[in-house]
N, C-alpha and C. Protein backbone atom coordinates (compact mmCIF):
# COMPACT_ATOMS: atom_id res chain seq x y z
N MET A 1 51.32 7.86 54.41
CA MET A 1 50.56 7.69 55.87
C MET A 1 49.08 8.44 55.82
N SER A 2 48.03 7.62 55.92
CA SER A 2 46.77 8.49 56.01
C SER A 2 46.29 9.28 56.69
N ASP A 3 45.23 10.31 56.44
CA ASP A 3 45.16 11.17 57.22
C ASP A 3 44.70 11.12 58.46
N VAL A 4 44.28 10.00 58.84
CA VAL A 4 43.60 9.29 60.19
C VAL A 4 44.92 8.99 60.87
N ARG A 5 45.79 8.01 60.52
CA ARG A 5 47.02 7.32 60.90
C ARG A 5 47.97 8.90 61.18
N ALA A 6 48.36 9.46 60.43
CA ALA A 6 48.78 11.03 60.28
C ALA A 6 47.88 11.82 62.15
N ALA A 7 46.79 11.98 61.70
CA ALA A 7 46.21 12.59 62.90
C ALA A 7 46.50 11.86 63.95
N LEU A 8 46.13 10.60 64.33
CA LEU A 8 46.44 9.84 65.60
C LEU A 8 47.82 9.85 66.02
N LEU A 9 49.12 9.91 65.11
CA LEU A 9 50.12 10.02 65.39
C LEU A 9 50.38 11.89 66.11
N GLN A 10 50.10 12.64 66.15
CA GLN A 10 50.14 13.70 66.19
C GLN A 10 49.68 13.46 67.33
N GLN A 11 48.36 13.44 67.89
CA GLN A 11 47.87 12.75 69.04
C GLN A 11 48.56 12.62 69.96
N ILE A 12 49.35 11.82 69.77
CA ILE A 12 49.62 10.59 70.55
C ILE A 12 51.08 11.28 71.18
N LYS A 13 51.84 12.16 70.04
CA LYS A 13 53.00 13.05 70.65
C LYS A 13 52.85 13.97 71.40
N ASP A 14 51.42 14.50 71.10
CA ASP A 14 51.37 15.87 71.56
C ASP A 14 50.64 15.74 72.98
N LYS A 15 49.87 14.20 73.01
CA LYS A 15 48.98 14.30 74.24
C LYS A 15 49.42 13.10 75.30
N ALA A 16 50.11 12.38 74.64
CA ALA A 16 50.72 11.28 75.68
C ALA A 16 52.39 10.98 76.13
N VAL A 17 53.15 11.67 75.04
CA VAL A 17 54.29 11.24 75.28
C VAL A 17 54.67 12.17 76.46
N VAL A 18 55.57 11.88 77.56
CA VAL A 18 55.68 12.73 79.20
C VAL A 18 57.35 12.56 79.36
N HIS A 19 58.15 13.11 79.03
CA HIS A 19 59.78 12.45 79.24
C HIS A 19 59.85 13.20 80.82
N GLY A 20 61.11 12.23 81.36
CA GLY A 20 61.75 12.24 82.23
C GLY A 20 61.37 11.10 83.16
N LYS A 21 62.24 10.64 84.16
CA LYS A 21 62.25 9.54 84.46
C LYS A 21 60.96 8.93 85.03
N VAL A 22 60.76 7.80 84.74
CA VAL A 22 59.88 6.83 85.22
C VAL A 22 59.82 4.88 85.36
N THR A 23 59.02 4.64 86.53
CA THR A 23 59.24 3.55 86.63
C THR A 23 57.53 3.04 85.68
N LEU A 24 57.91 2.04 85.01
CA LEU A 24 57.00 0.90 84.44
C LEU A 24 56.14 0.25 85.01
N SER A 25 54.99 -0.04 84.59
CA SER A 25 54.45 -1.22 85.64
C SER A 25 55.21 -1.90 85.46
N SER A 26 56.09 -2.66 84.40
CA SER A 26 56.70 -3.71 84.36
C SER A 26 58.11 -3.73 85.50
N GLY A 27 58.29 -2.70 85.89
CA GLY A 27 59.08 -2.36 86.98
C GLY A 27 60.26 -2.35 86.27
N LEU A 28 60.84 -1.54 85.34
CA LEU A 28 61.79 -1.08 84.78
C LEU A 28 61.37 0.38 84.35
N GLU A 29 62.53 1.28 84.32
CA GLU A 29 62.93 2.18 84.27
C GLU A 29 63.14 2.80 83.04
N ALA A 30 62.33 3.98 82.57
CA ALA A 30 62.78 4.87 81.47
C ALA A 30 62.76 6.11 81.40
N ASP A 31 63.22 6.87 80.39
CA ASP A 31 63.31 8.44 80.30
C ASP A 31 62.21 8.77 79.89
N TYR A 32 61.02 8.26 79.38
CA TYR A 32 60.28 8.63 78.48
C TYR A 32 58.64 7.98 79.36
N TYR A 33 57.89 8.27 79.12
CA TYR A 33 56.37 7.26 79.46
C TYR A 33 55.32 7.53 78.23
N VAL A 34 55.08 6.62 77.70
CA VAL A 34 53.74 6.81 76.90
C VAL A 34 52.26 6.63 77.57
N ASP A 35 51.91 7.76 78.18
CA ASP A 35 50.71 7.21 78.57
C ASP A 35 49.05 7.71 77.56
N LEU A 36 49.09 6.36 77.38
CA LEU A 36 47.97 6.53 76.23
C LEU A 36 47.03 6.27 76.67
N ARG A 37 46.72 6.44 77.69
CA ARG A 37 45.16 6.62 77.88
C ARG A 37 44.81 8.18 78.25
N ARG A 38 45.73 8.99 78.03
CA ARG A 38 45.43 10.87 77.80
C ARG A 38 45.18 10.46 76.07
N VAL A 39 45.11 9.07 75.36
CA VAL A 39 44.84 9.50 74.04
C VAL A 39 43.44 9.03 73.87
N THR A 40 43.42 6.96 74.58
CA THR A 40 42.45 6.08 74.33
C THR A 40 40.92 6.83 75.01
N LEU A 41 41.42 7.95 76.16
CA LEU A 41 40.16 8.08 76.95
C LEU A 41 39.52 9.59 76.26
N ASP A 42 40.48 10.11 75.22
CA ASP A 42 40.15 11.27 74.80
C ASP A 42 39.00 11.55 73.58
N GLY A 43 38.35 12.50 73.43
CA GLY A 43 36.89 12.49 73.02
C GLY A 43 37.56 12.68 71.33
N GLU A 44 38.52 13.23 71.34
CA GLU A 44 38.93 13.71 69.81
C GLU A 44 39.82 12.50 69.74
N ALA A 45 40.72 11.89 70.06
CA ALA A 45 41.61 11.28 69.87
C ALA A 45 41.16 9.61 69.49
N ALA A 46 40.41 9.24 70.79
CA ALA A 46 39.83 7.89 70.63
C ALA A 46 39.14 7.43 69.16
N PRO A 47 38.46 8.15 68.57
CA PRO A 47 37.94 7.50 67.76
C PRO A 47 39.06 7.16 66.69
N LEU A 48 39.80 7.91 66.61
CA LEU A 48 41.35 7.97 65.62
C LEU A 48 41.73 6.56 65.89
N VAL A 49 42.08 5.76 67.01
CA VAL A 49 42.49 4.92 67.64
C VAL A 49 42.02 3.50 67.02
N GLY A 50 40.05 4.33 67.29
CA GLY A 50 39.46 2.54 66.44
C GLY A 50 39.40 2.44 65.02
N GLU A 51 39.83 3.40 64.24
CA GLU A 51 39.64 3.68 62.85
C GLU A 51 41.34 2.96 62.91
N VAL A 52 42.14 3.29 63.44
CA VAL A 52 43.92 2.89 63.04
C VAL A 52 43.67 1.45 63.15
N LEU A 53 43.77 1.12 64.13
CA LEU A 53 43.82 -0.49 64.31
C LEU A 53 42.72 -1.29 63.64
N LEU A 54 41.23 -0.74 63.28
CA LEU A 54 40.86 -1.60 62.27
C LEU A 54 41.27 -1.67 60.93
N ASP A 55 41.80 -0.40 60.47
CA ASP A 55 42.66 -0.77 59.12
C ASP A 55 44.19 -1.57 59.34
N LEU A 56 44.61 -1.29 60.53
CA LEU A 56 46.16 -2.59 60.75
C LEU A 56 45.71 -3.68 60.24
N VAL A 57 44.07 -4.00 60.98
CA VAL A 57 43.72 -6.10 60.84
C VAL A 57 43.11 -5.87 60.40
N ALA A 58 42.92 -5.30 58.96
CA ALA A 58 41.91 -5.28 58.08
C ALA A 58 41.56 -6.56 57.21
N ASP A 59 42.92 -7.51 57.59
CA ASP A 59 43.04 -8.46 56.63
C ASP A 59 42.52 -10.21 57.64
N LEU A 60 42.36 -9.31 59.06
CA LEU A 60 42.26 -10.75 59.66
C LEU A 60 40.43 -11.17 59.96
N GLU A 61 40.18 -11.98 60.02
CA GLU A 61 38.81 -11.99 60.56
C GLU A 61 38.70 -12.47 62.40
N PHE A 62 37.93 -11.49 62.76
CA PHE A 62 37.97 -11.69 64.08
C PHE A 62 36.46 -11.10 64.53
N ASP A 63 35.79 -11.56 65.79
CA ASP A 63 34.19 -10.83 65.88
C ASP A 63 34.37 -9.93 67.00
N ALA A 64 35.56 -10.28 68.15
CA ALA A 64 35.38 -9.31 69.31
C ALA A 64 36.66 -9.07 69.35
N ALA A 65 36.93 -7.40 70.26
CA ALA A 65 38.40 -7.63 70.81
C ALA A 65 38.16 -6.77 72.29
N GLY A 66 39.41 -7.27 72.98
CA GLY A 66 39.45 -6.99 74.27
C GLY A 66 40.99 -7.48 75.04
N GLY A 67 41.46 -7.42 76.16
CA GLY A 67 42.31 -7.54 76.58
C GLY A 67 42.51 -7.01 78.38
N LEU A 68 43.46 -6.95 79.17
CA LEU A 68 43.32 -6.98 80.40
C LEU A 68 43.21 -5.48 80.85
N THR A 69 41.90 -5.42 81.72
CA THR A 69 41.52 -4.12 82.51
C THR A 69 42.97 -3.85 82.67
N MET A 70 43.31 -2.61 82.32
CA MET A 70 42.30 -1.44 82.42
C MET A 70 43.01 -0.51 81.22
N GLY A 71 44.29 -0.89 80.90
CA GLY A 71 44.62 -0.56 79.46
C GLY A 71 44.33 -0.64 78.07
N ALA A 72 43.78 -2.16 78.11
CA ALA A 72 42.89 -2.53 77.03
C ALA A 72 41.55 -2.18 77.09
N ASP A 73 40.95 -1.90 77.49
CA ASP A 73 39.32 -1.45 77.74
C ASP A 73 39.20 -0.33 76.89
N PRO A 74 39.40 0.73 76.85
CA PRO A 74 39.08 1.90 76.11
C PRO A 74 39.56 1.46 74.51
N VAL A 75 41.16 0.24 74.27
CA VAL A 75 41.13 0.32 73.48
C VAL A 75 39.99 -0.45 72.15
N ALA A 76 39.62 -1.38 73.33
CA ALA A 76 38.39 -2.40 72.60
C ALA A 76 37.22 -1.11 72.62
N GLY A 77 36.84 -1.08 73.22
CA GLY A 77 35.60 0.41 72.74
C GLY A 77 35.70 1.12 72.11
N ALA A 78 36.89 1.26 71.53
CA ALA A 78 37.45 2.10 70.51
C ALA A 78 37.29 1.30 68.93
N ILE A 79 37.07 0.26 68.93
CA ILE A 79 37.55 -0.55 68.06
C ILE A 79 36.15 -1.07 67.46
N LEU A 80 35.17 -1.24 69.01
CA LEU A 80 33.95 -1.90 68.57
C LEU A 80 33.08 -0.57 68.02
N HIS A 81 33.25 0.93 68.71
CA HIS A 81 32.72 1.89 67.92
C HIS A 81 32.92 2.60 66.76
N ALA A 82 34.17 1.88 66.02
CA ALA A 82 34.57 2.66 64.66
C ALA A 82 34.30 1.01 64.07
N ALA A 83 33.78 -0.24 64.27
CA ALA A 83 33.66 -1.07 63.29
C ALA A 83 31.90 -0.63 63.24
N ALA A 84 31.19 -0.38 64.07
CA ALA A 84 30.06 0.03 64.14
C ALA A 84 29.72 1.04 63.24
N ALA A 85 30.44 1.94 63.19
CA ALA A 85 30.42 3.37 62.38
C ALA A 85 30.85 2.76 60.73
N ARG A 86 31.15 1.64 60.54
CA ARG A 86 31.61 0.78 59.25
C ARG A 86 30.78 -0.29 58.87
N GLY A 87 29.60 -0.13 59.83
CA GLY A 87 28.51 -0.60 59.79
C GLY A 87 29.22 -2.74 59.94
N ARG A 88 29.85 -3.10 60.61
CA ARG A 88 30.24 -4.06 61.31
C ARG A 88 30.32 -4.40 62.47
N ARG A 89 29.94 -5.34 63.16
CA ARG A 89 29.61 -6.04 64.53
C ARG A 89 30.95 -6.54 65.26
N VAL A 90 31.91 -5.98 66.35
CA VAL A 90 32.49 -5.91 66.78
C VAL A 90 32.44 -5.81 67.62
N ASP A 91 32.20 -6.79 69.17
CA ASP A 91 32.03 -6.65 70.54
C ASP A 91 33.39 -6.78 71.02
N ALA A 92 33.32 -6.03 72.28
CA ALA A 92 34.15 -5.72 73.05
C ALA A 92 34.24 -6.80 74.50
N PHE A 93 35.25 -7.15 75.17
CA PHE A 93 35.52 -7.98 75.87
C PHE A 93 36.32 -6.77 77.59
N VAL A 94 36.32 -7.69 78.34
CA VAL A 94 37.31 -7.37 79.51
C VAL A 94 37.69 -8.66 80.22
N VAL A 95 39.14 -8.55 80.27
CA VAL A 95 39.84 -9.81 81.35
C VAL A 95 40.08 -9.13 82.66
N ARG A 96 39.67 -9.68 83.52
CA ARG A 96 39.71 -9.35 84.87
C ARG A 96 41.79 -10.12 85.25
N LYS A 97 41.99 -9.19 86.18
CA LYS A 97 43.45 -9.73 86.73
C LYS A 97 43.29 -11.34 87.38
N ALA A 98 41.83 -11.28 88.04
CA ALA A 98 41.82 -12.76 88.99
C ALA A 98 40.08 -12.05 88.62
N ALA A 99 39.72 -13.63 88.57
CA ALA A 99 37.77 -14.16 88.41
C ALA A 99 37.54 -13.08 89.69
N LYS A 100 36.13 -13.28 89.51
CA LYS A 100 35.76 -12.32 90.65
C LYS A 100 35.19 -13.50 91.27
N ALA A 101 34.71 -13.39 93.21
CA ALA A 101 34.71 -14.21 93.65
C ALA A 101 33.14 -14.06 94.38
N HIS A 102 32.08 -13.40 93.40
CA HIS A 102 30.99 -13.27 93.73
C HIS A 102 30.47 -13.40 92.35
N GLY A 103 28.97 -13.38 92.00
CA GLY A 103 28.74 -13.12 91.11
C GLY A 103 28.63 -14.16 89.64
N MET A 104 29.04 -14.44 88.83
CA MET A 104 29.02 -15.01 87.71
C MET A 104 30.55 -15.47 88.19
N GLN A 105 31.21 -15.10 89.08
CA GLN A 105 32.66 -15.32 89.12
C GLN A 105 33.61 -15.55 87.19
N ARG A 106 33.50 -14.80 86.61
CA ARG A 106 34.07 -14.72 85.46
C ARG A 106 35.45 -14.01 85.34
N ARG A 107 36.39 -14.51 84.89
CA ARG A 107 37.43 -13.48 84.25
C ARG A 107 37.18 -12.74 83.36
N VAL A 108 36.72 -13.22 82.18
CA VAL A 108 36.28 -12.69 80.70
C VAL A 108 34.81 -12.16 81.02
N GLU A 109 34.65 -10.83 80.94
CA GLU A 109 33.44 -10.13 80.91
C GLU A 109 33.00 -9.31 79.52
N GLY A 110 31.59 -9.13 79.51
CA GLY A 110 31.44 -8.88 78.37
C GLY A 110 30.34 -9.78 77.71
N PRO A 111 30.14 -10.11 76.28
CA PRO A 111 29.82 -11.01 75.63
C PRO A 111 30.37 -11.99 75.69
N ASP A 112 30.04 -13.35 75.48
CA ASP A 112 31.10 -15.01 75.35
C ASP A 112 31.41 -14.59 74.59
N ILE A 113 32.83 -15.10 74.80
CA ILE A 113 33.97 -15.33 73.80
C ILE A 113 33.88 -16.74 73.19
N ALA A 114 33.38 -17.76 73.84
CA ALA A 114 33.37 -19.34 73.48
C ALA A 114 33.27 -19.60 72.04
N GLY A 115 34.48 -20.11 71.29
CA GLY A 115 33.91 -20.34 70.02
C GLY A 115 34.70 -19.43 69.06
N ARG A 116 34.82 -18.36 69.53
CA ARG A 116 34.85 -16.71 68.69
C ARG A 116 36.41 -16.55 68.47
N ARG A 117 36.48 -15.81 67.61
CA ARG A 117 37.85 -15.59 66.95
C ARG A 117 38.24 -13.80 67.52
N VAL A 118 38.71 -13.33 67.89
CA VAL A 118 39.17 -12.68 68.95
C VAL A 118 40.74 -12.08 68.73
N LEU A 119 40.58 -10.56 68.82
CA LEU A 119 41.74 -9.89 69.11
C LEU A 119 41.83 -9.46 70.71
N VAL A 120 43.16 -9.96 70.85
CA VAL A 120 43.39 -9.10 72.12
C VAL A 120 44.47 -8.04 72.08
N VAL A 121 43.76 -6.95 72.83
CA VAL A 121 44.34 -5.78 72.65
C VAL A 121 45.02 -5.03 73.66
N GLU A 122 45.79 -3.96 73.83
CA GLU A 122 46.72 -3.46 74.70
C GLU A 122 46.91 -1.95 74.19
N ASP A 123 46.94 -0.87 75.00
CA ASP A 123 47.70 0.35 74.55
C ASP A 123 48.91 0.10 74.25
N THR A 124 49.54 -0.43 75.06
CA THR A 124 51.47 -0.42 74.90
C THR A 124 51.73 -1.32 75.56
N SER A 125 52.56 -2.22 75.04
CA SER A 125 53.05 -2.93 76.15
C SER A 125 54.63 -3.06 76.37
N THR A 126 55.50 -3.39 77.63
CA THR A 126 56.66 -3.06 77.61
C THR A 126 57.45 -4.37 77.62
N THR A 127 56.98 -5.29 78.67
CA THR A 127 57.18 -6.67 78.52
C THR A 127 56.30 -7.89 78.01
N GLY A 128 55.24 -7.60 77.82
CA GLY A 128 54.17 -8.57 76.97
C GLY A 128 53.90 -9.30 78.03
N GLY A 129 53.69 -8.90 79.58
CA GLY A 129 53.01 -9.71 80.22
C GLY A 129 51.45 -9.27 80.25
N SER A 130 50.84 -8.20 80.31
CA SER A 130 49.60 -7.92 80.02
C SER A 130 48.85 -8.69 78.93
N PRO A 131 49.33 -8.63 77.71
CA PRO A 131 48.83 -8.95 76.57
C PRO A 131 48.68 -11.07 76.94
N LEU A 132 49.95 -11.26 77.35
CA LEU A 132 50.34 -12.78 77.63
C LEU A 132 49.32 -13.39 78.39
N ALA A 133 48.99 -12.47 79.90
CA ALA A 133 48.00 -13.22 80.67
C ALA A 133 46.43 -13.21 79.89
N ALA A 134 45.91 -11.75 79.28
CA ALA A 134 44.87 -11.62 78.53
C ALA A 134 44.85 -13.26 77.97
N VAL A 135 46.00 -13.41 76.84
CA VAL A 135 45.72 -14.41 75.68
C VAL A 135 45.37 -15.83 76.62
N GLU A 136 46.01 -16.14 77.50
CA GLU A 136 45.75 -17.20 78.77
C GLU A 136 44.66 -17.42 78.75
N ALA A 137 43.85 -16.02 79.63
CA ALA A 137 42.59 -16.02 79.53
C ALA A 137 41.57 -16.25 79.20
N VAL A 138 41.61 -15.63 78.00
CA VAL A 138 40.83 -15.80 76.96
C VAL A 138 40.61 -17.09 76.33
N ARG A 139 41.99 -18.09 76.06
CA ARG A 139 42.08 -19.05 75.75
C ARG A 139 41.11 -20.01 76.76
N GLU A 140 41.38 -20.13 77.93
CA GLU A 140 40.83 -20.76 78.93
C GLU A 140 39.47 -20.55 78.62
N ALA A 141 38.70 -19.27 78.12
CA ALA A 141 37.51 -19.02 77.95
C ALA A 141 36.66 -19.69 76.70
N GLY A 142 37.96 -20.09 76.06
CA GLY A 142 37.08 -21.01 74.93
C GLY A 142 37.04 -20.23 73.62
N ALA A 143 38.05 -19.07 73.68
CA ALA A 143 38.05 -18.03 72.64
C ALA A 143 39.65 -18.69 71.68
N GLU A 144 39.60 -18.55 70.12
CA GLU A 144 40.52 -18.57 69.67
C GLU A 144 41.04 -17.03 69.36
N VAL A 145 42.51 -16.81 69.77
CA VAL A 145 43.29 -15.65 69.57
C VAL A 145 43.87 -15.68 68.42
N VAL A 146 43.49 -14.40 67.18
CA VAL A 146 44.13 -14.20 66.04
C VAL A 146 45.24 -13.42 66.02
N ALA A 147 45.46 -12.37 67.19
CA ALA A 147 46.52 -11.62 66.92
C ALA A 147 46.50 -10.85 68.07
N VAL A 148 47.45 -10.59 68.54
CA VAL A 148 47.60 -9.09 69.86
C VAL A 148 48.09 -8.04 68.99
N VAL A 149 47.56 -6.96 69.18
CA VAL A 149 47.30 -5.82 68.77
C VAL A 149 47.73 -4.67 69.98
N THR A 150 48.58 -3.90 69.62
CA THR A 150 48.73 -2.35 70.38
C THR A 150 49.00 -1.22 69.72
N ILE A 151 48.65 -0.13 70.19
CA ILE A 151 48.61 1.06 69.30
C ILE A 151 50.67 1.42 69.39
N VAL A 152 51.41 1.38 70.53
CA VAL A 152 52.56 1.82 70.29
C VAL A 152 53.23 0.89 71.10
N ASP A 153 54.44 0.24 70.04
CA ASP A 153 55.63 -0.62 70.49
C ASP A 153 56.68 -0.55 70.86
N ARG A 154 57.02 -0.51 72.28
CA ARG A 154 58.31 0.44 72.95
C ARG A 154 59.51 -0.42 72.25
N ALA A 155 59.57 -1.54 71.69
CA ALA A 155 60.61 -2.18 71.22
C ALA A 155 61.54 -2.62 72.51
N THR A 156 61.52 -3.14 73.50
CA THR A 156 61.80 -3.56 74.53
C THR A 156 61.15 -5.07 75.07
N GLY A 157 61.19 -5.82 73.29
CA GLY A 157 60.98 -7.18 73.94
C GLY A 157 59.48 -7.52 74.05
N ALA A 158 58.38 -7.05 74.17
CA ALA A 158 57.33 -7.50 74.17
C ALA A 158 56.97 -8.27 73.04
N ALA A 159 57.38 -8.12 71.79
CA ALA A 159 56.65 -8.57 70.61
C ALA A 159 57.60 -9.92 70.30
N GLU A 160 58.23 -9.87 70.47
CA GLU A 160 59.35 -11.47 71.13
C GLU A 160 58.68 -12.44 71.88
N LYS A 161 58.49 -11.70 72.84
CA LYS A 161 57.73 -12.33 73.88
C LYS A 161 56.04 -12.86 73.78
N ILE A 162 55.30 -11.99 73.17
CA ILE A 162 54.49 -12.46 72.63
C ILE A 162 53.78 -13.24 71.83
N ARG A 163 54.91 -13.19 70.45
CA ARG A 163 55.36 -14.12 69.51
C ARG A 163 55.37 -15.53 69.78
N GLU A 164 56.24 -15.73 70.31
CA GLU A 164 56.81 -17.19 70.97
C GLU A 164 55.92 -17.63 72.36
N GLY A 165 55.50 -16.55 73.38
CA GLY A 165 54.30 -17.44 73.86
C GLY A 165 53.35 -17.63 74.30
N ALA A 166 52.76 -17.01 72.61
CA ALA A 166 51.39 -16.83 72.49
C ALA A 166 51.27 -17.19 71.05
N ALA A 167 51.85 -17.78 70.42
CA ALA A 167 52.28 -18.54 69.26
C ALA A 167 50.98 -17.85 68.28
N VAL A 168 50.87 -16.32 68.20
CA VAL A 168 50.04 -15.46 67.45
C VAL A 168 50.96 -14.39 67.31
N PRO A 169 50.24 -13.84 65.96
CA PRO A 169 50.94 -12.79 65.38
C PRO A 169 51.08 -11.32 66.12
N TYR A 170 51.61 -10.54 66.28
CA TYR A 170 51.86 -9.54 67.44
C TYR A 170 51.88 -8.03 66.20
N LEU A 171 50.80 -7.20 66.14
CA LEU A 171 51.13 -6.08 65.33
C LEU A 171 50.68 -4.74 66.21
N TYR A 172 51.89 -3.56 66.01
CA TYR A 172 51.21 -2.40 66.64
C TYR A 172 51.34 -1.47 65.02
N ALA A 173 50.30 -0.18 65.94
CA ALA A 173 50.52 0.79 65.28
C ALA A 173 51.81 1.77 64.43
N TYR A 174 52.33 2.15 65.49
CA TYR A 174 53.05 2.78 65.38
C TYR A 174 54.53 2.04 66.47
N SER A 175 55.71 2.38 66.03
CA SER A 175 56.85 1.97 66.72
C SER A 175 57.29 3.32 67.36
N LYS A 176 58.35 3.11 68.40
CA LYS A 176 58.56 4.63 69.32
C LYS A 176 59.85 5.30 68.32
N ASP A 177 59.97 4.68 67.27
CA ASP A 177 60.87 5.62 66.29
C ASP A 177 59.64 6.41 65.49
N ASP A 178 58.48 6.13 65.52
CA ASP A 178 57.29 6.95 64.95
C ASP A 178 57.16 8.06 65.87
N LEU A 179 57.68 7.94 67.23
CA LEU A 179 57.35 8.96 68.17
C LEU A 179 58.52 9.99 68.11
N GLY A 180 59.51 9.06 67.76
CA GLY A 180 60.62 10.22 68.20
C GLY A 180 61.33 9.72 68.95
N LEU A 181 61.12 8.54 69.59
CA LEU A 181 62.19 8.54 70.88
C LEU A 181 62.94 6.98 70.90
N ASP A 182 63.87 7.53 71.76
CA ASP A 182 64.93 6.29 72.06
C ASP A 182 65.05 5.77 72.61
């Protein structure tokens, strides 16, 4: 395991894993919660997120990253900044849950992604619902989704739903086993 990858794993264990009964956004109950916003919005950990995810997708060709707001926003920003530090341009975009009723009335915000190859990103996914909604919106906006990428896979069926429902690769940096969770 690389130093950066090991450092991010430790940051996640120290800052994001919360034990106790919780109800997830999917409505399912769990004995722990992985609050990755405590990492993706942390000044020490967020740069590591970008580095680790860029390494994870090193073999993919893409020029933008984003997903359903809110979990995906800081992940896409971390990728954007890590890519810039490596001398590469990667734009970020945000997918709204619904198109705005005013202004440009767009569902996908940021640089135009029509005709571009993009990653749909998420911090973690339980059922795959958020990434699948983002894939749908991104495709409607005219982009080609090359993969769905998440920081932590909870091993609760999201991978299978995304692979089947979006017909794209599903990649993750860490499993719940990596975090010592059962």
